Amino acid sequence: MKGNIMTGPRFLPGLFSKSERRHLVWEKGVVDPRRDRNIWRRDHTGALIMYSEYGNRASRYGWEIDHIIPVAVGGTDYLYNLRPLNCFSNASAGGLLGTVLTGRRH
């Protein structure tokens, strides 16, 4: 058994392929009833993401796998701590975390 959303799995090498991991996290995206759920979702901020644009930071619909609780502050790679996030949202969140961790403002 590979685990479930609440108890695991931790994404250790060999447990899931990259495409399986991407699909599991994609499934956690918010379904927009007006769009094809296999192509379009929304992240938790409401930003549209497109499945085929995974990892494409140049696309307004690009998305990445985001840690809800960042690893830098004790988060894990378990599925319950991962979510899809629009690349623009993820870049902004990373900048905010750096500010919180260092205490510096830009």
N, C-alpha and C. Protein backbone atom coordinates (compact mmCIF):
# COMPACT_ATOMS: atom_id res chain seq x y z
N MET A 1 0.84 -1.19 0.00
CA MET A 1 0.00 0.00 0.00
C MET A 1 0.88 1.24 0.00
N LYS A 2 0.52 2.22 -0.78
CA LYS A 2 1.32 3.42 -0.91
C LYS A 2 0.96 4.50 0.10
N GLY A 3 -0.08 4.33 0.89
CA GLY A 3 -0.45 5.34 1.87
C GLY A 3 -1.69 6.10 1.44
N ASN A 4 -2.10 7.02 2.29
CA ASN A 4 -3.25 7.84 1.94
C ASN A 4 -2.96 9.30 2.29
N ILE A 5 -3.90 10.16 2.03
CA ILE A 5 -3.68 11.60 2.20
C ILE A 5 -3.33 11.96 3.64
N MET A 6 -3.94 11.36 4.62
CA MET A 6 -3.74 11.78 6.00
C MET A 6 -2.51 11.16 6.68
N THR A 7 -2.15 9.94 6.33
CA THR A 7 -1.04 9.29 7.02
C THR A 7 0.23 9.24 6.21
N GLY A 8 0.21 9.61 5.03
CA GLY A 8 1.37 9.54 4.16
C GLY A 8 0.84 9.68 2.76
N PRO A 9 1.54 9.33 1.81
CA PRO A 9 2.91 8.84 1.88
C PRO A 9 3.90 9.99 1.87
N ARG A 10 5.06 9.75 2.33
CA ARG A 10 6.14 10.70 2.15
C ARG A 10 6.69 10.41 0.77
N PHE A 11 7.00 11.41 0.02
CA PHE A 11 7.44 11.19 -1.35
C PHE A 11 8.92 10.85 -1.41
N LEU A 12 9.24 9.66 -0.98
CA LEU A 12 10.62 9.18 -1.05
C LEU A 12 10.90 8.68 -2.46
N PRO A 13 12.16 8.75 -2.90
CA PRO A 13 12.49 8.28 -4.24
C PRO A 13 12.00 6.85 -4.44
N GLY A 14 11.34 6.62 -5.55
CA GLY A 14 10.88 5.28 -5.90
C GLY A 14 9.47 4.96 -5.41
N LEU A 15 8.94 5.72 -4.46
CA LEU A 15 7.60 5.43 -3.95
C LEU A 15 6.54 5.83 -4.98
N PHE A 16 6.68 7.01 -5.54
CA PHE A 16 5.80 7.48 -6.60
C PHE A 16 6.66 8.04 -7.72
N SER A 17 6.19 7.87 -8.94
CA SER A 17 6.87 8.52 -10.05
C SER A 17 6.55 10.02 -9.98
N LYS A 18 7.32 10.81 -10.71
CA LYS A 18 7.05 12.26 -10.74
C LYS A 18 5.65 12.55 -11.27
N SER A 19 5.23 11.79 -12.28
CA SER A 19 3.89 12.03 -12.84
C SER A 19 2.79 11.63 -11.85
N GLU A 20 3.00 10.56 -11.08
CA GLU A 20 2.02 10.18 -10.05
C GLU A 20 1.93 11.26 -8.97
N ARG A 21 3.07 11.75 -8.55
CA ARG A 21 3.09 12.80 -7.52
C ARG A 21 2.36 14.05 -8.02
N ARG A 22 2.68 14.45 -9.26
CA ARG A 22 2.02 15.63 -9.84
C ARG A 22 0.51 15.42 -9.89
N HIS A 23 0.07 14.23 -10.30
CA HIS A 23 -1.36 13.96 -10.40
C HIS A 23 -2.04 13.99 -9.02
N LEU A 24 -1.42 13.39 -8.02
CA LEU A 24 -2.00 13.38 -6.66
C LEU A 24 -2.17 14.80 -6.11
N VAL A 25 -1.18 15.64 -6.34
CA VAL A 25 -1.28 17.02 -5.87
C VAL A 25 -2.29 17.79 -6.71
N TRP A 26 -2.32 17.57 -8.02
CA TRP A 26 -3.30 18.21 -8.90
C TRP A 26 -4.72 17.94 -8.40
N GLU A 27 -4.99 16.72 -7.98
CA GLU A 27 -6.31 16.33 -7.51
C GLU A 27 -6.76 17.14 -6.29
N LYS A 28 -5.81 17.75 -5.59
CA LYS A 28 -6.15 18.57 -4.43
C LYS A 28 -6.55 19.99 -4.82
N GLY A 29 -6.39 20.34 -6.10
CA GLY A 29 -6.80 21.66 -6.57
C GLY A 29 -8.32 21.79 -6.54
N VAL A 30 -8.78 23.03 -6.53
CA VAL A 30 -10.22 23.32 -6.48
C VAL A 30 -10.81 23.19 -7.88
N VAL A 31 -11.84 22.36 -8.01
CA VAL A 31 -12.50 22.17 -9.30
C VAL A 31 -13.37 23.39 -9.60
N ASP A 32 -13.23 23.91 -10.81
CA ASP A 32 -14.07 25.00 -11.30
C ASP A 32 -15.17 24.34 -12.13
N PRO A 33 -16.42 24.39 -11.69
CA PRO A 33 -17.49 23.67 -12.38
C PRO A 33 -17.73 24.13 -13.82
N ARG A 34 -17.19 25.28 -14.18
CA ARG A 34 -17.36 25.79 -15.55
C ARG A 34 -16.27 25.32 -16.50
N ARG A 35 -15.29 24.58 -15.98
CA ARG A 35 -14.15 24.18 -16.81
C ARG A 35 -13.90 22.68 -16.69
N ASP A 36 -13.18 22.13 -17.66
CA ASP A 36 -12.82 20.71 -17.65
C ASP A 36 -11.87 20.44 -16.48
N ARG A 37 -12.28 19.61 -15.54
CA ARG A 37 -11.51 19.34 -14.32
C ARG A 37 -10.18 18.65 -14.59
N ASN A 38 -10.04 18.02 -15.75
CA ASN A 38 -8.79 17.37 -16.10
C ASN A 38 -7.75 18.34 -16.65
N ILE A 39 -8.20 19.51 -17.06
CA ILE A 39 -7.31 20.52 -17.64
C ILE A 39 -7.13 21.70 -16.71
N TRP A 40 -8.20 22.15 -16.08
CA TRP A 40 -8.19 23.37 -15.27
C TRP A 40 -8.54 23.09 -13.82
N ARG A 41 -7.88 23.79 -12.92
CA ARG A 41 -8.23 23.82 -11.50
C ARG A 41 -7.92 25.22 -11.00
N ARG A 42 -8.23 25.46 -9.76
CA ARG A 42 -7.84 26.69 -9.10
C ARG A 42 -7.02 26.32 -7.88
N ASP A 43 -6.02 27.15 -7.57
CA ASP A 43 -5.27 26.92 -6.34
C ASP A 43 -6.06 27.51 -5.17
N HIS A 44 -5.54 27.42 -3.97
CA HIS A 44 -6.28 27.89 -2.79
C HIS A 44 -6.48 29.41 -2.78
N THR A 45 -5.73 30.14 -3.60
CA THR A 45 -5.91 31.59 -3.68
C THR A 45 -6.97 31.97 -4.72
N GLY A 46 -7.43 30.98 -5.50
CA GLY A 46 -8.41 31.22 -6.55
C GLY A 46 -7.79 31.41 -7.92
N ALA A 47 -6.46 31.37 -8.00
CA ALA A 47 -5.78 31.54 -9.28
C ALA A 47 -5.96 30.29 -10.15
N LEU A 48 -6.23 30.51 -11.44
CA LEU A 48 -6.37 29.39 -12.37
C LEU A 48 -5.03 28.73 -12.61
N ILE A 49 -5.06 27.40 -12.69
CA ILE A 49 -3.88 26.62 -13.07
C ILE A 49 -4.30 25.62 -14.14
N MET A 50 -3.36 25.28 -15.01
CA MET A 50 -3.62 24.36 -16.11
C MET A 50 -2.68 23.17 -15.97
N TYR A 51 -3.23 21.96 -16.02
CA TYR A 51 -2.43 20.76 -15.76
C TYR A 51 -1.16 20.71 -16.61
N SER A 52 -1.29 21.00 -17.89
CA SER A 52 -0.14 20.90 -18.80
C SER A 52 0.92 21.98 -18.56
N GLU A 53 0.60 22.99 -17.75
CA GLU A 53 1.55 24.07 -17.49
C GLU A 53 2.34 23.85 -16.20
N TYR A 54 2.36 22.63 -15.69
CA TYR A 54 3.12 22.32 -14.48
C TYR A 54 4.58 22.72 -14.66
N GLY A 55 5.09 23.49 -13.73
CA GLY A 55 6.50 23.91 -13.74
C GLY A 55 6.83 25.05 -14.68
N ASN A 56 5.86 25.55 -15.43
CA ASN A 56 6.10 26.62 -16.40
C ASN A 56 5.89 27.98 -15.73
N ARG A 57 6.97 28.55 -15.25
CA ARG A 57 6.89 29.84 -14.56
C ARG A 57 6.62 31.01 -15.50
N ALA A 58 6.74 30.80 -16.79
CA ALA A 58 6.48 31.86 -17.76
C ALA A 58 4.99 31.95 -18.11
N SER A 59 4.21 30.96 -17.72
CA SER A 59 2.79 30.92 -18.04
C SER A 59 1.95 31.48 -16.89
N ARG A 60 0.94 32.25 -17.22
CA ARG A 60 0.05 32.76 -16.17
C ARG A 60 -0.76 31.64 -15.53
N TYR A 61 -0.79 30.45 -16.18
CA TYR A 61 -1.49 29.29 -15.63
C TYR A 61 -0.53 28.23 -15.10
N GLY A 62 0.75 28.56 -15.05
CA GLY A 62 1.75 27.63 -14.54
C GLY A 62 1.54 27.36 -13.06
N TRP A 63 1.94 26.17 -12.63
CA TRP A 63 1.77 25.82 -11.21
C TRP A 63 2.91 24.92 -10.75
N GLU A 64 3.05 24.89 -9.45
CA GLU A 64 4.08 24.09 -8.81
C GLU A 64 3.47 23.39 -7.61
N ILE A 65 4.21 22.45 -7.06
CA ILE A 65 3.79 21.79 -5.82
C ILE A 65 4.32 22.63 -4.67
N ASP A 66 3.41 23.06 -3.82
CA ASP A 66 3.72 23.95 -2.70
C ASP A 66 3.55 23.22 -1.38
N HIS A 67 4.42 23.53 -0.43
CA HIS A 67 4.28 23.02 0.93
C HIS A 67 3.38 23.98 1.71
N ILE A 68 2.33 23.47 2.31
CA ILE A 68 1.43 24.31 3.12
C ILE A 68 2.21 24.86 4.31
N ILE A 69 2.88 23.97 5.03
CA ILE A 69 3.82 24.38 6.08
C ILE A 69 5.21 24.19 5.48
N PRO A 70 5.95 25.26 5.24
CA PRO A 70 7.25 25.15 4.58
C PRO A 70 8.21 24.22 5.32
N VAL A 71 9.00 23.50 4.56
CA VAL A 71 10.01 22.61 5.14
C VAL A 71 10.94 23.39 6.06
N ALA A 72 11.22 24.64 5.72
CA ALA A 72 12.13 25.47 6.52
C ALA A 72 11.64 25.70 7.95
N VAL A 73 10.34 25.53 8.17
CA VAL A 73 9.80 25.72 9.52
C VAL A 73 9.16 24.44 10.05
N GLY A 74 9.61 23.30 9.54
CA GLY A 74 9.17 22.01 10.08
C GLY A 74 8.14 21.26 9.28
N GLY A 75 7.77 21.76 8.11
CA GLY A 75 6.81 21.05 7.26
C GLY A 75 7.41 19.78 6.68
N THR A 76 6.55 18.92 6.16
CA THR A 76 6.98 17.64 5.61
C THR A 76 6.62 17.54 4.14
N ASP A 77 7.05 16.44 3.52
CA ASP A 77 6.69 16.14 2.14
C ASP A 77 5.49 15.20 2.05
N TYR A 78 4.78 15.00 3.16
CA TYR A 78 3.59 14.16 3.13
C TYR A 78 2.51 14.85 2.30
N LEU A 79 1.69 14.05 1.64
CA LEU A 79 0.68 14.58 0.74
C LEU A 79 -0.25 15.59 1.41
N TYR A 80 -0.58 15.39 2.67
CA TYR A 80 -1.49 16.33 3.34
C TYR A 80 -0.87 17.72 3.49
N ASN A 81 0.44 17.83 3.33
CA ASN A 81 1.12 19.13 3.45
C ASN A 81 1.46 19.73 2.08
N LEU A 82 0.97 19.14 1.02
CA LEU A 82 1.26 19.61 -0.33
C LEU A 82 -0.02 20.07 -1.01
N ARG A 83 0.13 21.07 -1.89
CA ARG A 83 -1.01 21.58 -2.65
C ARG A 83 -0.50 22.17 -3.95
N PRO A 84 -1.37 22.25 -4.96
CA PRO A 84 -0.97 22.93 -6.19
C PRO A 84 -1.05 24.44 -5.96
N LEU A 85 -0.11 25.17 -6.52
CA LEU A 85 -0.11 26.62 -6.36
C LEU A 85 0.38 27.28 -7.63
N ASN A 86 -0.36 28.28 -8.09
CA ASN A 86 0.04 29.06 -9.25
C ASN A 86 1.46 29.57 -9.05
N CYS A 87 2.28 29.51 -10.08
CA CYS A 87 3.70 29.91 -9.96
C CYS A 87 3.87 31.32 -9.43
N PHE A 88 3.02 32.25 -9.85
CA PHE A 88 3.15 33.62 -9.39
C PHE A 88 2.85 33.72 -7.90
N SER A 89 1.85 32.97 -7.43
CA SER A 89 1.53 32.94 -6.01
C SER A 89 2.67 32.32 -5.21
N ASN A 90 3.27 31.26 -5.76
CA ASN A 90 4.35 30.55 -5.06
C ASN A 90 5.58 31.43 -4.93
N ALA A 91 5.91 32.18 -5.96
CA ALA A 91 7.08 33.07 -5.89
C ALA A 91 6.87 34.15 -4.84
N SER A 92 5.66 34.67 -4.76
CA SER A 92 5.35 35.69 -3.75
C SER A 92 5.44 35.12 -2.35
N ALA A 93 4.93 33.92 -2.15
CA ALA A 93 4.94 33.29 -0.83
C ALA A 93 6.37 33.02 -0.38
N GLY A 94 7.22 32.59 -1.30
CA GLY A 94 8.62 32.33 -0.95
C GLY A 94 9.31 33.58 -0.48
N GLY A 95 9.01 34.71 -1.11
CA GLY A 95 9.59 35.97 -0.68
C GLY A 95 9.12 36.37 0.70
N LEU A 96 7.85 36.12 0.98
CA LEU A 96 7.31 36.44 2.29
C LEU A 96 7.93 35.58 3.38
N LEU A 97 8.13 34.29 3.08
CA LEU A 97 8.74 33.41 4.07
C LEU A 97 10.15 33.85 4.39
N GLY A 98 10.90 34.23 3.37
CA GLY A 98 12.26 34.70 3.60
C GLY A 98 12.28 35.91 4.52
N THR A 99 11.33 36.80 4.34
CA THR A 99 11.23 37.98 5.19
C THR A 99 10.92 37.58 6.63
N VAL A 100 10.01 36.64 6.81
CA VAL A 100 9.65 36.18 8.15
C VAL A 100 10.84 35.50 8.83
N LEU A 101 11.54 34.65 8.09
CA LEU A 101 12.65 33.89 8.68
C LEU A 101 13.84 34.77 9.03
N THR A 102 14.11 35.78 8.21
CA THR A 102 15.28 36.62 8.45
C THR A 102 14.96 37.87 9.24
N GLY A 103 13.69 38.24 9.28
CA GLY A 103 13.29 39.46 9.98
C GLY A 103 13.58 40.72 9.19
N ARG A 104 14.02 40.55 7.92
CA ARG A 104 14.33 41.71 7.08
C ARG A 104 13.16 42.05 6.19
N ARG A 105 13.02 43.31 5.89
CA ARG A 105 12.00 43.76 4.95
C ARG A 105 12.69 44.27 3.71
N HIS A 106 12.01 44.09 2.57
CA HIS A 106 12.59 44.53 1.29
C HIS A 106 12.15 45.92 0.96
